[in-house]
Amino acid sequence: MEKLIPAESFFCSPHPAALDLPHLITAIDADLLGKIVHLTKSKPGLWGFSAPFDENDVFDRARESAPIAAWAFPANQAELLSFGSLVQEAVFGIKLMMLDSSFDEATLVRLATTTGQRLETGAFIIHGYQDLPTLGELIERCGWALIPIGPERSKALFVASKSQSEWVATLKGWCERDGRNCGELRDVGGKLFIADSPAPEKNRENAIAHRIDRLLGELESYFGGSDGVGELVERRVQARRKLREDIARSKHGSPGA
């Protein structure tokens, strides 16, 4: 059953450019990245995070500057598509955007510069790339982009140009077969929501069972068993819910309870 999720924790703009473009929202992981590469036939790069390997395969975790084209180097493609710890730290820790690494960097500098906003509390926040006023023009020029979104950036917004709308349709079909939720932006009475739809029940159950089995296997390998995991999971669920509520309150300048 479709669920309408208020989009205020994912977008600052009441009418982001993605609302008028082919798009979808789903979980970000190595499987999604691989599917996007297969669809777009591109070598993706991260805009907002420097590629760690240079042309000689020399690794520098703290590299501060590199052209986005450097992500096309084989070592950097392997690092990105494996969705290893370095890339995960970047995706979940900073604001960035993924797109074809061969795209013109001068155009990126012009169209992909994030904006900021002063809140009522006095705090100054930098908007994510999903709120770029120029995102529509950028996508029509570069073809597609993948933008991590949400308080924990565990979701990703895939946006395609209107001429490549079939990419979104293909990704939606893949999400259903893979058992994962897939959403889209929707304006309901002037308010922005994410219309989130689960995969068919059988596919969803199979996907959940597979992930539970993998988790139990890891718990047995690392800790010798999974006794008490149910209680621990419930405590973590409550902690994550409180964190989301705290983030929402701080974003709107509301005092804590």
C-alpha atoms as a PDB file:
ATOM      1  CA  MET A   1       0.000   0.000   0.000  1.00  0.00           C
ATOM      2  CA  GLU A   2       1.325   3.427  -0.948  1.00  0.00           C
ATOM      3  CA  LYS A   3       2.383   5.643   1.963  1.00  0.00           C
ATOM      4  CA  LEU A   4       2.604   9.434   1.820  1.00  0.00           C
ATOM      5  CA  ILE A   5       5.684  10.644   3.717  1.00  0.00           C
ATOM      6  CA  PRO A   6       6.100  14.385   4.407  1.00  0.00           C
ATOM      7  CA  ALA A   7       9.117  15.460   2.380  1.00  0.00           C
ATOM      8  CA  GLU A   8      10.282  18.262   4.680  1.00  0.00           C
ATOM      9  CA  SER A   9      13.081  16.115   6.107  1.00  0.00           C
ATOM     10  CA  PHE A  10      14.343  15.415   2.579  1.00  0.00           C
ATOM     11  CA  PHE A  11      13.855  18.744   0.773  1.00  0.00           C
ATOM     12  CA  CYS A  12      13.939  22.400   1.789  1.00  0.00           C
ATOM     13  CA  SER A  13      12.272  23.646  -1.369  1.00  0.00           C
ATOM     14  CA  PRO A  14       8.459  23.305  -1.494  1.00  0.00           C
ATOM     15  CA  HIS A  15       8.732  22.638  -5.238  1.00  0.00           C
ATOM     16  CA  PRO A  16      12.101  21.033  -6.072  1.00  0.00           C
ATOM     17  CA  ALA A  17      13.070  20.713  -9.709  1.00  0.00           C
ATOM     18  CA  ALA A  18      12.821  16.915  -9.531  1.00  0.00           C
ATOM     19  CA  LEU A  19       9.048  17.227  -9.136  1.00  0.00           C
ATOM     20  CA  ASP A  20       8.860  18.197 -12.820  1.00  0.00           C
ATOM     21  CA  LEU A  21      11.373  15.618 -14.081  1.00  0.00           C
ATOM     22  CA  PRO A  22      11.399  11.810 -14.359  1.00  0.00           C
ATOM     23  CA  HIS A  23      12.648  10.605 -10.979  1.00  0.00           C
ATOM     24  CA  LEU A  24      12.439   8.005  -8.232  1.00  0.00           C
ATOM     25  CA  ILE A  25      13.550   7.643  -4.632  1.00  0.00           C
ATOM     26  CA  THR A  26      14.899   4.396  -3.186  1.00  0.00           C
ATOM     27  CA  ALA A  27      17.598   3.012  -0.904  1.00  0.00           C
ATOM     28  CA  ILE A  28      21.196   3.742  -1.890  1.00  0.00           C
ATOM     29  CA  ASP A  29      23.610   0.817  -2.030  1.00  0.00           C
ATOM     30  CA  ALA A  30      26.069  -0.950  -4.334  1.00  0.00           C
ATOM     31  CA  ASP A  31      23.226  -2.736  -6.150  1.00  0.00           C
ATOM     32  CA  LEU A  32      21.600   0.563  -7.089  1.00  0.00           C
ATOM     33  CA  LEU A  33      24.887   2.052  -8.269  1.00  0.00           C
ATOM     34  CA  GLY A  34      25.583  -0.984 -10.441  1.00  0.00           C
ATOM     35  CA  LYS A  35      22.130  -0.811 -11.999  1.00  0.00           C
ATOM     36  CA  ILE A  36      22.550   2.887 -12.803  1.00  0.00           C
ATOM     37  CA  VAL A  37      25.919   2.267 -14.453  1.00  0.00           C
ATOM     38  CA  HIS A  38      24.387  -0.507 -16.544  1.00  0.00           C
ATOM     39  CA  LEU A  39      21.486   1.733 -17.589  1.00  0.00           C
ATOM     40  CA  THR A  40      23.387   4.925 -18.342  1.00  0.00           C
ATOM     41  CA  LYS A  41      26.540   3.297 -19.772  1.00  0.00           C
ATOM     42  CA  SER A  42      28.573   5.893 -17.871  1.00  0.00           C
ATOM     43  CA  LYS A  43      31.450   6.062 -15.404  1.00  0.00           C
ATOM     44  CA  PRO A  44      29.948   7.938 -12.470  1.00  0.00           C
ATOM     45  CA  GLY A  45      31.767  10.364 -10.229  1.00  0.00           C
ATOM     46  CA  LEU A  46      31.021  12.192  -7.009  1.00  0.00           C
ATOM     47  CA  TRP A  47      30.614  15.945  -7.254  1.00  0.00           C
ATOM     48  CA  GLY A  48      31.493  17.347  -3.844  1.00  0.00           C
ATOM     49  CA  PHE A  49      34.041  14.684  -2.909  1.00  0.00           C
ATOM     50  CA  SER A  50      37.484  14.262  -4.491  1.00  0.00           C
ATOM     51  CA  ALA A  51      38.450  10.945  -6.063  1.00  0.00           C
ATOM     52  CA  PRO A  52      40.974   9.175  -3.777  1.00  0.00           C
ATOM     53  CA  PHE A  53      43.227   7.695  -6.508  1.00  0.00           C
ATOM     54  CA  ASP A  54      45.283   9.672  -9.029  1.00  0.00           C
ATOM     55  CA  GLU A  55      46.248   8.582 -12.551  1.00  0.00           C
ATOM     56  CA  ASN A  56      49.113   6.507 -11.115  1.00  0.00           C
ATOM     57  CA  ASP A  57      46.808   4.660  -8.696  1.00  0.00           C
ATOM     58  CA  VAL A  58      48.332   6.513  -5.746  1.00  0.00           C
ATOM     59  CA  PHE A  59      45.797   6.591  -2.932  1.00  0.00           C
ATOM     60  CA  ASP A  60      45.263   9.705  -0.818  1.00  0.00           C
ATOM     61  CA  ARG A  61      42.297   9.479   1.541  1.00  0.00           C
ATOM     62  CA  ALA A  62      42.542  13.179   2.383  1.00  0.00           C
ATOM     63  CA  ARG A  63      42.886  14.473  -1.185  1.00  0.00           C
ATOM     64  CA  GLU A  64      41.302  17.935  -1.186  1.00  0.00           C
ATOM     65  CA  SER A  65      41.119  18.689  -4.888  1.00  0.00           C
ATOM     66  CA  ALA A  66      40.739  16.635  -8.044  1.00  0.00           C
ATOM     67  CA  PRO A  67      38.689  17.065 -11.233  1.00  0.00           C
ATOM     68  CA  ILE A  68      35.511  15.043 -11.379  1.00  0.00           C
ATOM     69  CA  ALA A  69      36.983  13.322 -14.467  1.00  0.00           C
ATOM     70  CA  ALA A  70      39.435  11.571 -12.126  1.00  0.00           C
ATOM     71  CA  TRP A  71      36.587   9.336 -10.985  1.00  0.00           C
ATOM     72  CA  ALA A  72      36.810   7.593 -14.364  1.00  0.00           C
ATOM     73  CA  PHE A  73      40.178   6.037 -13.405  1.00  0.00           C
ATOM     74  CA  PRO A  74      39.710   2.268 -12.887  1.00  0.00           C
ATOM     75  CA  ALA A  75      40.769   2.363  -9.230  1.00  0.00           C
ATOM     76  CA  ASN A  76      38.274   5.104  -8.460  1.00  0.00           C
ATOM     77  CA  GLN A  77      35.479   3.306 -10.310  1.00  0.00           C
ATOM     78  CA  ALA A  78      36.207   0.176  -8.268  1.00  0.00           C
ATOM     79  CA  GLU A  79      36.145   2.215  -5.053  1.00  0.00           C
ATOM     80  CA  LEU A  80      32.868   3.905  -5.949  1.00  0.00           C
ATOM     81  CA  LEU A  81      30.958   0.921  -7.270  1.00  0.00           C
ATOM     82  CA  SER A  82      31.976  -1.335  -4.382  1.00  0.00           C
ATOM     83  CA  PHE A  83      30.292   1.214  -2.089  1.00  0.00           C
ATOM     84  CA  GLY A  84      33.031   0.611   0.456  1.00  0.00           C
ATOM     85  CA  SER A  85      33.721   2.430   3.702  1.00  0.00           C
ATOM     86  CA  LEU A  86      35.323   5.509   2.123  1.00  0.00           C
ATOM     87  CA  VAL A  87      32.414   6.131  -0.250  1.00  0.00           C
ATOM     88  CA  GLN A  88      29.849   5.369   2.450  1.00  0.00           C
ATOM     89  CA  GLU A  89      31.472   7.893   4.784  1.00  0.00           C
ATOM     90  CA  ALA A  90      31.210  10.504   2.037  1.00  0.00           C
ATOM     91  CA  VAL A  91      27.636   9.641   1.046  1.00  0.00           C
ATOM     92  CA  PHE A  92      26.338   9.554   4.617  1.00  0.00           C
ATOM     93  CA  GLY A  93      28.518  12.370   5.916  1.00  0.00           C
ATOM     94  CA  ILE A  94      28.535  15.240   3.419  1.00  0.00           C
ATOM     95  CA  LYS A  95      26.371  16.766   0.730  1.00  0.00           C
ATOM     96  CA  LEU A  96      27.278  15.426  -2.701  1.00  0.00           C
ATOM     97  CA  MET A  97      25.855  14.333  -6.027  1.00  0.00           C
ATOM     98  CA  MET A  98      26.704  11.500  -8.393  1.00  0.00           C
ATOM     99  CA  LEU A  99      26.675  11.953 -12.161  1.00  0.00           C
ATOM    100  CA  ASP A 100      28.632  11.077 -15.290  1.00  0.00           C
ATOM    101  CA  SER A 101      32.302  11.879 -14.581  1.00  0.00           C
ATOM    102  CA  SER A 102      32.819  12.939 -18.205  1.00  0.00           C
ATOM    103  CA  PHE A 103      30.417  15.870 -17.862  1.00  0.00           C
ATOM    104  CA  ASP A 104      31.871  19.338 -18.352  1.00  0.00           C
ATOM    105  CA  GLU A 105      33.199  20.591 -15.019  1.00  0.00           C
ATOM    106  CA  ALA A 106      32.838  24.284 -15.883  1.00  0.00           C
ATOM    107  CA  THR A 107      29.113  23.717 -16.345  1.00  0.00           C
ATOM    108  CA  LEU A 108      28.990  21.894 -13.021  1.00  0.00           C
ATOM    109  CA  VAL A 109      30.650  24.814 -11.263  1.00  0.00           C
ATOM    110  CA  ARG A 110      28.052  27.136 -12.790  1.00  0.00           C
ATOM    111  CA  LEU A 111      24.951  25.030 -12.202  1.00  0.00           C
ATOM    112  CA  ALA A 112      25.808  22.850  -9.198  1.00  0.00           C
ATOM    113  CA  THR A 113      26.762  25.318  -6.490  1.00  0.00           C
ATOM    114  CA  THR A 114      24.697  24.753  -3.350  1.00  0.00           C
ATOM    115  CA  THR A 115      22.850  27.591  -1.655  1.00  0.00           C
ATOM    116  CA  GLY A 116      22.333  28.388   2.029  1.00  0.00           C
ATOM    117  CA  GLN A 117      19.579  29.631   4.322  1.00  0.00           C
ATOM    118  CA  ARG A 118      19.458  31.411   7.677  1.00  0.00           C
ATOM    119  CA  LEU A 119      16.959  29.752  10.044  1.00  0.00           C
ATOM    120  CA  GLU A 120      14.828  31.548  12.619  1.00  0.00           C
ATOM    121  CA  THR A 121      17.120  30.128  15.296  1.00  0.00           C
ATOM    122  CA  GLY A 122      20.045  31.996  13.729  1.00  0.00           C
ATOM    123  CA  ALA A 123      21.671  28.833  12.437  1.00  0.00           C
ATOM    124  CA  PHE A 124      22.886  28.826   8.833  1.00  0.00           C
ATOM    125  CA  ILE A 125      22.387  25.659   6.813  1.00  0.00           C
ATOM    126  CA  ILE A 126      23.657  24.640   3.386  1.00  0.00           C
ATOM    127  CA  HIS A 127      21.012  23.048   1.191  1.00  0.00           C
ATOM    128  CA  GLY A 128      21.616  19.741  -0.514  1.00  0.00           C
ATOM    129  CA  TYR A 129      21.901  19.319  -4.274  1.00  0.00           C
ATOM    130  CA  GLN A 130      18.289  18.108  -4.406  1.00  0.00           C
ATOM    131  CA  ASP A 131      17.261  21.706  -3.686  1.00  0.00           C
ATOM    132  CA  LEU A 132      19.343  23.314  -6.425  1.00  0.00           C
ATOM    133  CA  PRO A 133      17.221  25.893  -8.279  1.00  0.00           C
ATOM    134  CA  THR A 134      19.250  25.028 -11.390  1.00  0.00           C
ATOM    135  CA  LEU A 135      18.887  21.247 -11.048  1.00  0.00           C
ATOM    136  CA  GLY A 136      16.425  21.046 -13.950  1.00  0.00           C
ATOM    137  CA  GLU A 137      18.806  22.730 -16.364  1.00  0.00           C
ATOM    138  CA  LEU A 138      21.712  20.625 -15.105  1.00  0.00           C
ATOM    139  CA  ILE A 139      19.843  17.339 -15.590  1.00  0.00           C
ATOM    140  CA  GLU A 140      18.732  18.249 -19.087  1.00  0.00           C
ATOM    141  CA  ARG A 141      22.375  18.854 -19.937  1.00  0.00           C
ATOM    142  CA  CYS A 142      24.035  15.906 -18.202  1.00  0.00           C
ATOM    143  CA  GLY A 143      21.251  13.304 -18.524  1.00  0.00           C
ATOM    144  CA  TRP A 144      20.998  12.044 -14.941  1.00  0.00           C
ATOM    145  CA  ALA A 145      22.082  12.472 -11.340  1.00  0.00           C
ATOM    146  CA  LEU A 146      21.845  10.485  -8.112  1.00  0.00           C
ATOM    147  CA  ILE A 147      21.594  12.544  -4.914  1.00  0.00           C
ATOM    148  CA  PRO A 148      21.675  11.079  -1.388  1.00  0.00           C
ATOM    149  CA  ILE A 149      18.820  12.599   0.622  1.00  0.00           C
ATOM    150  CA  GLY A 150      17.238  12.439   4.066  1.00  0.00           C
ATOM    151  CA  PRO A 151      18.472  13.022   7.614  1.00  0.00           C
ATOM    152  CA  GLU A 152      20.745   9.976   7.379  1.00  0.00           C
ATOM    153  CA  ARG A 153      21.095  10.061   3.570  1.00  0.00           C
ATOM    154  CA  SER A 154      20.050   6.414   3.407  1.00  0.00           C
ATOM    155  CA  LYS A 155      17.771   7.223   0.474  1.00  0.00           C
ATOM    156  CA  ALA A 156      18.742   8.517  -2.936  1.00  0.00           C
ATOM    157  CA  LEU A 157      16.954  10.637  -5.494  1.00  0.00           C
ATOM    158  CA  PHE A 158      17.573   9.502  -9.063  1.00  0.00           C
ATOM    159  CA  VAL A 159      16.667  12.209 -11.579  1.00  0.00           C
ATOM    160  CA  ALA A 160      16.753  11.800 -15.356  1.00  0.00           C
ATOM    161  CA  SER A 161      16.255  14.183 -18.236  1.00  0.00           C
ATOM    162  CA  LYS A 162      12.883  14.055 -19.960  1.00  0.00           C
ATOM    163  CA  SER A 163      14.491  12.408 -22.988  1.00  0.00           C
ATOM    164  CA  GLN A 164      15.735   9.556 -20.757  1.00  0.00           C
ATOM    165  CA  SER A 165      12.517   8.877 -18.856  1.00  0.00           C
ATOM    166  CA  GLU A 166      12.807   5.172 -19.722  1.00  0.00           C
ATOM    167  CA  TRP A 167      15.698   4.928 -17.257  1.00  0.00           C
ATOM    168  CA  VAL A 168      13.321   5.744 -14.418  1.00  0.00           C
ATOM    169  CA  ALA A 169      10.734   3.236 -15.636  1.00  0.00           C
ATOM    170  CA  THR A 170      13.418   0.548 -15.823  1.00  0.00           C
ATOM    171  CA  LEU A 171      14.687   1.347 -12.327  1.00  0.00           C
ATOM    172  CA  LYS A 172      11.149   1.187 -10.934  1.00  0.00           C
ATOM    173  CA  GLY A 173      10.683  -2.257 -12.427  1.00  0.00           C
ATOM    174  CA  TRP A 174      14.011  -3.373 -10.990  1.00  0.00           C
ATOM    175  CA  CYS A 175      13.048  -2.078  -7.518  1.00  0.00           C
ATOM    176  CA  GLU A 176       9.863  -4.140  -7.617  1.00  0.00           C
ATOM    177  CA  ARG A 177      11.730  -7.296  -8.619  1.00  0.00           C
ATOM    178  CA  ASP A 178      14.434  -6.651  -6.002  1.00  0.00           C
ATOM    179  CA  GLY A 179      11.857  -6.271  -3.242  1.00  0.00           C
ATOM    180  CA  ARG A 180      12.692  -2.678  -2.343  1.00  0.00           C
ATOM    181  CA  ASN A 181      10.463   0.304  -1.770  1.00  0.00           C
ATOM    182  CA  CYS A 182      10.355   2.955  -4.463  1.00  0.00           C
ATOM    183  CA  GLY A 183       8.933   6.440  -4.154  1.00  0.00           C
ATOM    184  CA  GLU A 184       8.233   9.590  -6.113  1.00  0.00           C
ATOM    185  CA  LEU A 185       7.575  13.208  -5.211  1.00  0.00           C
ATOM    186  CA  ARG A 186       4.008  14.411  -5.181  1.00  0.00           C
ATOM    187  CA  ASP A 187       2.361  17.754  -4.513  1.00  0.00           C
ATOM    188  CA  VAL A 188      -0.747  17.201  -2.384  1.00  0.00           C
ATOM    189  CA  GLY A 189      -2.708  20.349  -1.691  1.00  0.00           C
ATOM    190  CA  GLY A 190       0.368  22.518  -1.989  1.00  0.00           C
ATOM    191  CA  LYS A 191       2.455  20.330   0.328  1.00  0.00           C
ATOM    192  CA  LEU A 192       5.315  18.117  -0.800  1.00  0.00           C
ATOM    193  CA  PHE A 193       5.210  14.394  -0.049  1.00  0.00           C
ATOM    194  CA  ILE A 194       7.111  11.270  -1.036  1.00  0.00           C
ATOM    195  CA  ALA A 195       4.638   8.676  -2.281  1.00  0.00           C
ATOM    196  CA  ASP A 196       6.445   5.517  -1.147  1.00  0.00           C
ATOM    197  CA  SER A 197       5.320   2.161  -2.549  1.00  0.00           C
ATOM    198  CA  PRO A 198       6.454  -1.287  -1.400  1.00  0.00           C
ATOM    199  CA  ALA A 199       7.413  -4.013  -3.832  1.00  0.00           C
ATOM    200  CA  PRO A 200       5.022  -6.920  -4.447  1.00  0.00           C
ATOM    201  CA  GLU A 201       4.622  -8.859  -1.184  1.00  0.00           C
ATOM    202  CA  LYS A 202       6.459 -12.012  -2.274  1.00  0.00           C
ATOM    203  CA  ASN A 203       9.460 -10.082  -3.582  1.00  0.00           C
ATOM    204  CA  ARG A 204       9.494  -7.927  -0.450  1.00  0.00           C
ATOM    205  CA  GLU A 205       9.354 -10.918   1.897  1.00  0.00           C
ATOM    206  CA  ASN A 206      12.167 -12.665   0.030  1.00  0.00           C
ATOM    207  CA  ALA A 207      14.342  -9.547   0.174  1.00  0.00           C
ATOM    208  CA  ILE A 208      13.730  -9.047   3.918  1.00  0.00           C
ATOM    209  CA  ALA A 209      14.390 -12.711   4.694  1.00  0.00           C
ATOM    210  CA  HIS A 210      17.662 -12.557   2.757  1.00  0.00           C
ATOM    211  CA  ARG A 211      18.847  -9.515   4.704  1.00  0.00           C
ATOM    212  CA  ILE A 212      17.813 -11.022   8.068  1.00  0.00           C
ATOM    213  CA  ASP A 213      19.711 -14.220   7.249  1.00  0.00           C
ATOM    214  CA  ARG A 214      22.775 -12.170   6.360  1.00  0.00           C
ATOM    215  CA  LEU A 215      22.530 -10.185   9.602  1.00  0.00           C
ATOM    216  CA  LEU A 216      22.147 -13.339  11.707  1.00  0.00           C
ATOM    217  CA  GLY A 217      25.149 -14.869   9.968  1.00  0.00           C
ATOM    218  CA  GLU A 218      27.236 -11.798  10.769  1.00  0.00           C
ATOM    219  CA  LEU A 219      26.106 -11.809  14.414  1.00  0.00           C
ATOM    220  CA  GLU A 220      27.085 -15.456  14.755  1.00  0.00           C
ATOM    221  CA  SER A 221      30.465 -14.833  13.122  1.00  0.00           C
ATOM    222  CA  TYR A 222      31.355 -11.748  15.174  1.00  0.00           C
ATOM    223  CA  PHE A 223      29.608 -12.428  18.505  1.00  0.00           C
ATOM    224  CA  GLY A 224      28.968 -16.160  18.635  1.00  0.00           C
ATOM    225  CA  GLY A 225      25.206 -15.962  18.372  1.00  0.00           C
ATOM    226  CA  SER A 226      22.131 -13.776  18.115  1.00  0.00           C
ATOM    227  CA  ASP A 227      20.531 -14.216  21.551  1.00  0.00           C
ATOM    228  CA  GLY A 228      18.765 -11.056  22.696  1.00  0.00           C
ATOM    229  CA  VAL A 229      18.956  -9.446  19.277  1.00  0.00           C
ATOM    230  CA  GLY A 230      15.187  -8.821  19.191  1.00  0.00           C
ATOM    231  CA  GLU A 231      15.290  -6.645  22.303  1.00  0.00           C
ATOM    232  CA  LEU A 232      18.370  -4.811  21.058  1.00  0.00           C
ATOM    233  CA  VAL A 233      16.741  -4.130  17.685  1.00  0.00           C
ATOM    234  CA  GLU A 234      13.692  -2.638  19.421  1.00  0.00           C
ATOM    235  CA  ARG A 235      15.918  -0.310  21.491  1.00  0.00           C
ATOM    236  CA  ARG A 236      17.732   0.826  18.344  1.00  0.00           C
ATOM    237  CA  VAL A 237      14.403   1.437  16.578  1.00  0.00           C
ATOM    238  CA  GLN A 238      13.331   3.715  19.425  1.00  0.00           C
ATOM    239  CA  ALA A 239      16.694   5.523  19.428  1.00  0.00           C
ATOM    240  CA  ARG A 240      16.505   6.128  15.654  1.00  0.00           C
ATOM    241  CA  ARG A 241      12.939   7.411  15.943  1.00  0.00           C
ATOM    242  CA  LYS A 242      13.996   9.883  18.635  1.00  0.00           C
ATOM    243  CA  LEU A 243      16.950  11.016  16.523  1.00  0.00           C
ATOM    244  CA  ARG A 244      14.671  11.726  13.561  1.00  0.00           C
ATOM    245  CA  GLU A 245      12.288  13.685  15.792  1.00  0.00           C
ATOM    246  CA  ASP A 246      15.173  15.721  17.232  1.00  0.00           C
ATOM    247  CA  ILE A 247      16.461  16.517  13.745  1.00  0.00           C
ATOM    248  CA  ALA A 248      12.996  17.604  12.604  1.00  0.00           C
ATOM    249  CA  ARG A 249      12.614  19.881  15.633  1.00  0.00           C
ATOM    250  CA  SER A 250      16.015  21.466  15.177  1.00  0.00           C
ATOM    251  CA  LYS A 251      15.327  22.086  11.484  1.00  0.00           C
ATOM    252  CA  HIS A 252      12.185  24.038  12.277  1.00  0.00           C
ATOM    253  CA  GLY A 253      13.631  25.793  15.281  1.00  0.00           C
ATOM    254  CA  SER A 254      11.192  24.159  17.709  1.00  0.00           C
ATOM    255  CA  PRO A 255      12.334  23.594  21.288  1.00  0.00           C
ATOM    256  CA  GLY A 256      12.824  20.037  22.459  1.00  0.00           C
ATOM    257  CA  ALA A 257      10.266  18.322  24.642  1.00  0.00           C
END
